Amino acid sequence: MKKNNDTLYWQNVQLYTQFGAIFNIGRIFLDDFRGGFGNGPWWDHLFNGYTITPWLVVLNICFTGLLVSWLMTYAGNIVKDLYHSHSMLAI
């Protein structure tokens, strides 16, 4: 991982595309085929029932992941140890 010259953001895009998007799209199509399209296509009911709270949770997790990946890439060992100790106290 450290010998890779790609940027951190490009590595995150590759990781999400390979695992997150492909498996999630496959699951959406599988659910539609199993249900016989009784509720219409997936884009008609994709965001039904969501409020602002799940969107804020997703944004929080995204920015936390970017912060942690930046910290692990560019910070020194002392900062990493302090981060791990604080995260254990927070949990």
C-alpha atoms as a PDB file:
ATOM      1  CA  MET A   1       0.000   0.000   0.000  1.00  0.00           C
ATOM      2  CA  LYS A   2       2.767   2.451   0.845  1.00  0.00           C
ATOM      3  CA  LYS A   3       4.640   1.753  -2.410  1.00  0.00           C
ATOM      4  CA  ASN A   4       1.621   2.666  -4.502  1.00  0.00           C
ATOM      5  CA  ASN A   5       2.019   6.077  -6.165  1.00  0.00           C
ATOM      6  CA  ASP A   6      -1.712   6.639  -6.694  1.00  0.00           C
ATOM      7  CA  THR A   7      -3.368   9.372  -4.664  1.00  0.00           C
ATOM      8  CA  LEU A   8      -5.388   8.495  -1.615  1.00  0.00           C
ATOM      9  CA  TYR A   9      -8.609   9.698  -3.231  1.00  0.00           C
ATOM     10  CA  TRP A  10      -8.074   7.586  -6.353  1.00  0.00           C
ATOM     11  CA  GLN A  11      -7.441   4.508  -4.179  1.00  0.00           C
ATOM     12  CA  ASN A  12     -10.728   5.180  -2.347  1.00  0.00           C
ATOM     13  CA  VAL A  13     -12.593   5.460  -5.668  1.00  0.00           C
ATOM     14  CA  GLN A  14     -11.111   2.167  -6.842  1.00  0.00           C
ATOM     15  CA  LEU A  15     -12.001   0.415  -3.591  1.00  0.00           C
ATOM     16  CA  TYR A  16     -15.586   1.664  -3.599  1.00  0.00           C
ATOM     17  CA  THR A  17     -16.088   0.818  -7.280  1.00  0.00           C
ATOM     18  CA  GLN A  18     -14.725  -2.696  -6.928  1.00  0.00           C
ATOM     19  CA  PHE A  19     -16.665  -3.684  -3.852  1.00  0.00           C
ATOM     20  CA  GLY A  20     -19.355  -1.228  -2.827  1.00  0.00           C
ATOM     21  CA  ALA A  21     -20.987  -0.165  -6.063  1.00  0.00           C
ATOM     22  CA  ILE A  22     -20.847  -3.485  -7.902  1.00  0.00           C
ATOM     23  CA  PHE A  23     -22.285  -5.543  -5.043  1.00  0.00           C
ATOM     24  CA  ASN A  24     -24.934  -2.945  -4.179  1.00  0.00           C
ATOM     25  CA  ILE A  25     -26.144  -2.624  -7.773  1.00  0.00           C
ATOM     26  CA  GLY A  26     -26.287  -6.410  -8.041  1.00  0.00           C
ATOM     27  CA  ARG A  27     -28.376  -6.618  -4.876  1.00  0.00           C
ATOM     28  CA  ILE A  28     -30.798  -3.953  -6.114  1.00  0.00           C
ATOM     29  CA  PHE A  29     -31.382  -5.803  -9.377  1.00  0.00           C
ATOM     30  CA  LEU A  30     -31.722  -9.117  -7.547  1.00  0.00           C
ATOM     31  CA  ASP A  31     -34.387  -7.673  -5.230  1.00  0.00           C
ATOM     32  CA  ASP A  32     -36.299  -6.286  -8.217  1.00  0.00           C
ATOM     33  CA  PHE A  33     -36.243  -9.600 -10.046  1.00  0.00           C
ATOM     34  CA  ARG A  34     -37.325 -11.536  -6.944  1.00  0.00           C
ATOM     35  CA  GLY A  35     -40.176  -9.129  -6.274  1.00  0.00           C
ATOM     36  CA  GLY A  36     -41.348  -9.257  -9.873  1.00  0.00           C
ATOM     37  CA  PHE A  37     -41.099  -5.458 -10.177  1.00  0.00           C
ATOM     38  CA  GLY A  38     -44.250  -5.154  -8.077  1.00  0.00           C
ATOM     39  CA  ASN A  39     -43.087  -1.854  -6.617  1.00  0.00           C
ATOM     40  CA  GLY A  40     -41.822  -0.581  -9.946  1.00  0.00           C
ATOM     41  CA  PRO A  41     -38.192  -0.275 -10.958  1.00  0.00           C
ATOM     42  CA  TRP A  42     -35.556   0.348  -8.327  1.00  0.00           C
ATOM     43  CA  TRP A  43     -35.174   4.041  -9.086  1.00  0.00           C
ATOM     44  CA  ASP A  44     -38.815   4.669  -8.143  1.00  0.00           C
ATOM     45  CA  HIS A  45     -38.418   3.490  -4.548  1.00  0.00           C
ATOM     46  CA  LEU A  46     -34.697   3.949  -3.885  1.00  0.00           C
ATOM     47  CA  PHE A  47     -34.999   6.898  -1.494  1.00  0.00           C
ATOM     48  CA  ASN A  48     -38.442   6.267   0.016  1.00  0.00           C
ATOM     49  CA  GLY A  49     -38.558   6.599   3.784  1.00  0.00           C
ATOM     50  CA  TYR A  50     -35.237   8.378   4.265  1.00  0.00           C
ATOM     51  CA  THR A  51     -35.009  11.506   6.382  1.00  0.00           C
ATOM     52  CA  ILE A  52     -32.055  13.838   6.861  1.00  0.00           C
ATOM     53  CA  THR A  53     -30.606  11.666   9.655  1.00  0.00           C
ATOM     54  CA  PRO A  54     -29.334   8.798   7.462  1.00  0.00           C
ATOM     55  CA  TRP A  55     -27.802  11.290   5.052  1.00  0.00           C
ATOM     56  CA  LEU A  56     -25.919  12.968   7.896  1.00  0.00           C
ATOM     57  CA  VAL A  57     -24.737   9.597   9.205  1.00  0.00           C
ATOM     58  CA  VAL A  58     -23.443   8.604   5.764  1.00  0.00           C
ATOM     59  CA  LEU A  59     -21.654  11.933   5.305  1.00  0.00           C
ATOM     60  CA  ASN A  60     -20.130  11.624   8.773  1.00  0.00           C
ATOM     61  CA  ILE A  61     -18.825   8.127   8.021  1.00  0.00           C
ATOM     62  CA  CYS A  62     -17.428   9.267   4.660  1.00  0.00           C
ATOM     63  CA  PHE A  63     -15.522  12.190   6.116  1.00  0.00           C
ATOM     64  CA  THR A  64     -14.320  10.104   9.053  1.00  0.00           C
ATOM     65  CA  GLY A  65     -12.982   7.475   6.647  1.00  0.00           C
ATOM     66  CA  LEU A  66     -11.133  10.112   4.645  1.00  0.00           C
ATOM     67  CA  LEU A  67      -9.692  11.614   7.822  1.00  0.00           C
ATOM     68  CA  VAL A  68      -8.486   8.251   9.090  1.00  0.00           C
ATOM     69  CA  SER A  69      -6.979   7.299   5.733  1.00  0.00           C
ATOM     70  CA  TRP A  70      -5.193  10.657   5.522  1.00  0.00           C
ATOM     71  CA  LEU A  71      -3.972  10.290   9.081  1.00  0.00           C
ATOM     72  CA  MET A  72      -2.634   6.790   8.496  1.00  0.00           C
ATOM     73  CA  THR A  73      -0.873   7.898   5.320  1.00  0.00           C
ATOM     74  CA  TYR A  74       0.757  11.171   6.334  1.00  0.00           C
ATOM     75  CA  ALA A  75       0.947  11.299  10.126  1.00  0.00           C
ATOM     76  CA  GLY A  76       3.784  10.015  12.259  1.00  0.00           C
ATOM     77  CA  ASN A  77       3.695   7.055  14.593  1.00  0.00           C
ATOM     78  CA  ILE A  78       3.118   9.171  17.702  1.00  0.00           C
ATOM     79  CA  VAL A  79       0.021  10.790  16.194  1.00  0.00           C
ATOM     80  CA  LYS A  80      -1.279   7.376  15.138  1.00  0.00           C
ATOM     81  CA  ASP A  81      -0.827   6.020  18.671  1.00  0.00           C
ATOM     82  CA  LEU A  82      -2.604   9.036  20.163  1.00  0.00           C
ATOM     83  CA  TYR A  83      -5.448   8.633  17.665  1.00  0.00           C
ATOM     84  CA  HIS A  84      -5.872   4.949  18.528  1.00  0.00           C
ATOM     85  CA  SER A  85      -5.846   5.613  22.265  1.00  0.00           C
ATOM     86  CA  HIS A  86      -8.444   8.389  21.938  1.00  0.00           C
ATOM     87  CA  SER A  87     -10.653   6.247  19.741  1.00  0.00           C
ATOM     88  CA  MET A  88     -10.598   3.451  22.331  1.00  0.00           C
ATOM     89  CA  LEU A  89     -11.609   5.921  25.025  1.00  0.00           C
ATOM     90  CA  ALA A  90     -14.442   7.253  22.863  1.00  0.00           C
ATOM     91  CA  ILE A  91     -15.919   3.811  22.357  1.00  0.00           C
END
